Amino acid sequence: MSKTIDYYMTALSPFSYLGHQALRAVAEKHDVSLRVKPVSLMGLFENSGAVPPAKRPAVRQRYRFLELQRVANYRGMPLNPKPRYWPVDPALADYTIIAVAEAGHDPLGYMAQVFAALWVHEEDISDRGVLAAYLRSEGFDSEIILPAADRPETAAIRARNTEEAIAADAVGVPAYVLDGEVFWGQDRIEYLDHALASGRPAFSAAPFMDK
């Protein structure tokens, strides 16, 4: 039976963008399914004690810019570490991803377009026109997907995804959960690849935690 990886992400995240194609390649290599689950990053941060980049100490802000350049170079991907429209509210973009998936379509190609819109093409992913254009470019009907994205039920799915990510101990995004084991960060994709290739049992922190 094919395995499934829960893929927690948000359209706002540069590291979700940088890991997206590598994750797709690993999933294809091992014939596993990706279950895309957009989340509220602030919800995860509140649980894990993390703070937005602008509120971090200057040394961590500087290191983040180094990491963005380093990872983009390593993965051979274009990236503007400080795009024009950032920070930006990713809610509508996340909701459109959910709406595409809920309609029974594969959202992965559209997600790649949305990530690049923000981190490469200097576009505002909170703009309905921008999202409509990318939906159409992937063959989706924007006049169906965008209204679906506006429904309260869609926001409820993202809220539920956030709760699931917290329950899985996702510290931030991207996070990939395989057999209950969470891999946080695009730099853990190679570990995920190894776990799939080796077939090892899932690791757990539970035995090492104080009762």
Protein backbone atom coordinates (compact mmCIF):
# COMPACT_ATOMS: atom_id res chain seq x y z
CA MET A 1 0.00 0.00 0.00
CA SER A 2 1.31 3.42 -0.96
CA LYS A 3 2.19 5.70 1.93
CA THR A 4 0.93 9.25 2.39
CA ILE A 5 2.88 12.28 3.60
CA ASP A 6 0.97 15.11 5.25
CA TYR A 7 2.46 18.29 3.79
CA TYR A 8 1.95 21.32 6.06
CA MET A 9 2.75 24.62 4.38
CA THR A 10 1.64 28.17 3.69
CA ALA A 11 2.02 30.23 0.53
CA LEU A 12 3.92 32.84 2.57
CA SER A 13 6.86 30.60 3.39
CA PRO A 14 10.09 30.86 1.37
CA PHE A 15 11.30 27.55 2.75
CA SER A 16 8.08 25.88 1.64
CA TYR A 17 8.84 27.26 -1.82
CA LEU A 18 12.44 26.10 -1.75
CA GLY A 19 11.52 22.58 -0.68
CA HIS A 20 8.45 22.14 -2.88
CA GLN A 21 10.04 20.67 -5.99
CA ALA A 22 12.44 18.49 -4.00
CA LEU A 23 9.54 17.10 -1.99
CA ARG A 24 7.61 16.33 -5.17
CA ALA A 25 10.63 14.49 -6.54
CA VAL A 26 10.96 12.37 -3.38
CA ALA A 27 7.25 11.56 -3.43
CA GLU A 28 7.45 10.50 -7.06
CA LYS A 29 10.61 8.48 -6.44
CA HIS A 30 8.94 6.44 -3.69
CA ASP A 31 5.43 6.45 -5.15
CA VAL A 32 3.94 8.15 -2.10
CA SER A 33 1.03 10.57 -2.01
CA LEU A 34 1.26 14.14 -0.75
CA ARG A 35 -1.72 15.35 1.26
CA VAL A 36 -1.45 19.14 1.09
CA LYS A 37 -2.53 20.94 4.25
CA PRO A 38 -2.16 24.75 4.31
CA VAL A 39 -1.91 26.13 7.84
CA SER A 40 -1.83 29.39 9.75
CA LEU A 41 1.87 29.94 10.43
CA MET A 42 1.12 32.26 13.34
CA GLY A 43 -0.88 29.46 14.94
CA LEU A 44 2.15 27.18 14.78
CA PHE A 45 4.44 29.94 16.04
CA GLU A 46 2.21 30.61 19.04
CA ASN A 47 2.48 26.94 20.00
CA SER A 48 6.21 26.51 19.36
CA GLY A 49 7.37 29.84 20.79
CA ALA A 50 8.70 31.12 17.45
CA VAL A 51 8.27 34.72 16.32
CA PRO A 52 7.99 36.37 12.88
CA PRO A 53 11.33 37.27 11.24
CA ALA A 54 10.97 41.01 11.92
CA LYS A 55 10.73 40.34 15.66
CA ARG A 56 13.81 38.10 15.83
CA PRO A 57 17.19 39.31 17.06
CA ALA A 58 19.29 40.97 14.36
CA VAL A 59 21.76 38.06 14.27
CA ARG A 60 18.93 35.65 13.43
CA GLN A 61 17.53 37.99 10.79
CA ARG A 62 20.93 38.18 9.12
CA TYR A 63 21.35 34.42 9.27
CA ARG A 64 17.91 33.90 7.70
CA PHE A 65 19.01 35.92 4.65
CA LEU A 66 22.17 33.81 4.40
CA GLU A 67 20.13 30.61 4.59
CA LEU A 68 17.69 31.75 1.92
CA GLN A 69 20.53 32.47 -0.51
CA ARG A 70 22.37 29.28 0.39
CA VAL A 71 19.36 27.00 -0.02
CA ALA A 72 18.28 28.64 -3.27
CA ASN A 73 21.78 28.12 -4.64
CA TYR A 74 21.92 24.51 -3.42
CA ARG A 75 18.56 23.65 -4.95
CA GLY A 76 19.21 25.66 -8.14
CA MET A 77 16.13 27.83 -7.69
CA PRO A 78 15.63 31.54 -8.29
CA LEU A 79 14.76 33.58 -5.22
CA ASN A 80 14.51 37.19 -4.14
CA PRO A 81 15.23 36.99 -0.37
CA LYS A 82 13.39 40.28 0.22
CA PRO A 83 10.49 40.45 -2.26
CA ARG A 84 8.40 43.54 -2.84
CA TYR A 85 5.21 42.04 -1.40
CA TRP A 86 6.40 40.59 1.88
CA PRO A 87 5.15 40.13 4.47
CA VAL A 88 1.77 39.52 2.88
CA ASP A 89 -1.43 37.91 4.12
CA PRO A 90 -1.34 34.39 2.64
CA ALA A 91 -4.88 33.44 3.68
CA LEU A 92 -6.57 33.76 0.28
CA ALA A 93 -3.74 31.96 -1.50
CA ASP A 94 -3.87 29.17 1.08
CA TYR A 95 -7.65 28.98 0.71
CA THR A 96 -7.39 28.63 -3.06
CA ILE A 97 -4.99 25.71 -2.60
CA ILE A 98 -7.50 24.07 -0.28
CA ALA A 99 -10.33 24.77 -2.74
CA VAL A 100 -8.39 23.18 -5.60
CA ALA A 101 -7.74 20.08 -3.52
CA GLU A 102 -11.32 19.92 -2.24
CA ALA A 103 -12.53 20.03 -5.85
CA GLY A 104 -10.59 16.82 -6.44
CA HIS A 105 -7.66 18.36 -8.31
CA ASP A 106 -3.92 18.10 -7.72
CA PRO A 107 -2.81 21.51 -6.33
CA LEU A 108 0.95 20.93 -6.52
CA GLY A 109 1.56 22.65 -9.86
CA TYR A 110 -0.56 25.62 -8.85
CA MET A 111 1.30 25.84 -5.55
CA ALA A 112 4.60 26.05 -7.40
CA GLN A 113 3.21 28.97 -9.40
CA VAL A 114 1.98 30.80 -6.30
CA PHE A 115 5.29 30.31 -4.48
CA ALA A 116 7.19 31.70 -7.47
CA ALA A 117 4.76 34.59 -7.82
CA LEU A 118 5.83 35.87 -4.40
CA TRP A 119 9.47 34.79 -4.20
CA VAL A 120 10.55 35.27 -7.80
CA HIS A 121 8.14 37.44 -9.79
CA GLU A 122 7.45 40.22 -7.24
CA GLU A 123 3.69 39.67 -7.29
CA ASP A 124 1.09 40.17 -4.58
CA ILE A 125 -0.40 36.78 -3.72
CA SER A 126 -3.19 38.42 -1.72
CA ASP A 127 -4.49 39.89 -5.00
CA ARG A 128 -7.43 37.97 -6.45
CA GLY A 129 -6.43 38.87 -10.00
CA VAL A 130 -2.95 37.43 -9.53
CA LEU A 131 -4.34 34.19 -8.14
CA ALA A 132 -7.02 33.98 -10.83
CA ALA A 133 -4.36 34.20 -13.54
CA TYR A 134 -2.34 31.36 -12.02
CA LEU A 135 -5.43 29.24 -11.52
CA ARG A 136 -6.28 29.64 -15.19
CA SER A 137 -2.69 28.89 -16.22
CA GLU A 138 -3.01 25.52 -14.44
CA GLY A 139 -6.31 24.78 -16.15
CA PHE A 140 -8.60 25.57 -13.20
CA ASP A 141 -11.74 27.70 -13.39
CA SER A 142 -11.02 30.76 -11.26
CA GLU A 143 -14.72 31.62 -11.18
CA ILE A 144 -15.33 28.37 -9.32
CA ILE A 145 -12.18 28.16 -7.18
CA LEU A 146 -12.11 31.73 -5.85
CA PRO A 147 -15.72 31.68 -4.55
CA ALA A 148 -14.99 28.29 -3.00
CA ALA A 149 -11.94 29.83 -1.31
CA ASP A 150 -14.20 32.48 0.25
CA ARG A 151 -16.46 29.96 1.99
CA PRO A 152 -16.28 29.67 5.78
CA GLU A 153 -15.85 25.92 5.37
CA THR A 154 -12.54 26.51 3.60
CA ALA A 155 -11.20 28.67 6.42
CA ALA A 156 -12.33 25.96 8.82
CA ILE A 157 -10.22 23.41 6.95
CA ARG A 158 -7.11 25.57 7.33
CA ALA A 159 -7.86 25.99 11.04
CA ARG A 160 -8.22 22.22 11.38
CA ASN A 161 -4.98 21.68 9.46
CA THR A 162 -3.25 24.03 11.90
CA GLU A 163 -4.55 22.04 14.86
CA GLU A 164 -3.36 18.80 13.23
CA ALA A 165 0.08 20.27 12.59
CA ILE A 166 0.36 21.36 16.22
CA ALA A 167 -0.74 17.90 17.36
CA ALA A 168 1.97 16.40 15.13
CA ASP A 169 4.60 18.66 16.80
CA ALA A 170 5.29 20.74 13.69
CA VAL A 171 7.45 23.63 14.86
CA GLY A 172 6.89 25.66 11.68
CA VAL A 173 6.60 25.15 7.93
CA PRO A 174 7.22 23.33 5.79
CA ALA A 175 6.57 20.22 7.84
CA TYR A 176 6.18 16.73 6.46
CA VAL A 177 4.60 13.98 8.55
CA LEU A 178 5.24 10.34 7.66
CA ASP A 179 3.76 7.59 9.82
CA GLY A 180 3.37 10.07 12.66
CA GLU A 181 7.00 11.28 12.51
CA VAL A 182 7.40 14.98 11.76
CA PHE A 183 10.19 16.34 9.56
CA TRP A 184 10.39 20.12 9.98
CA GLY A 185 12.05 22.21 7.30
CA GLN A 186 13.03 21.78 3.67
CA ASP A 187 16.48 20.71 4.88
CA ARG A 188 14.88 17.53 6.26
CA ILE A 189 13.67 16.30 2.86
CA GLU A 190 16.80 14.20 2.46
CA TYR A 191 16.06 12.57 5.84
CA LEU A 192 12.52 11.93 4.66
CA ASP A 193 13.92 10.37 1.49
CA HIS A 194 16.13 8.10 3.62
CA ALA A 195 13.23 7.08 5.87
CA LEU A 196 11.21 6.05 2.83
CA ALA A 197 14.12 4.24 1.20
CA SER A 198 15.11 2.33 4.33
CA GLY A 199 11.61 1.52 5.50
CA ARG A 200 12.72 2.11 9.07
CA PRO A 201 10.10 2.42 11.83
CA ALA A 202 9.00 5.94 12.67
CA PHE A 203 10.96 7.65 15.44
CA SER A 204 9.20 9.18 18.45
CA ALA A 205 10.25 11.55 21.22
CA ALA A 206 7.76 10.02 23.64
CA PRO A 207 10.12 7.47 25.28
CA PHE A 208 12.54 10.24 26.23
CA MET A 209 10.06 12.69 27.71
CA ASP A 210 9.50 12.96 31.46
CA LYS A 211 6.21 11.45 32.54
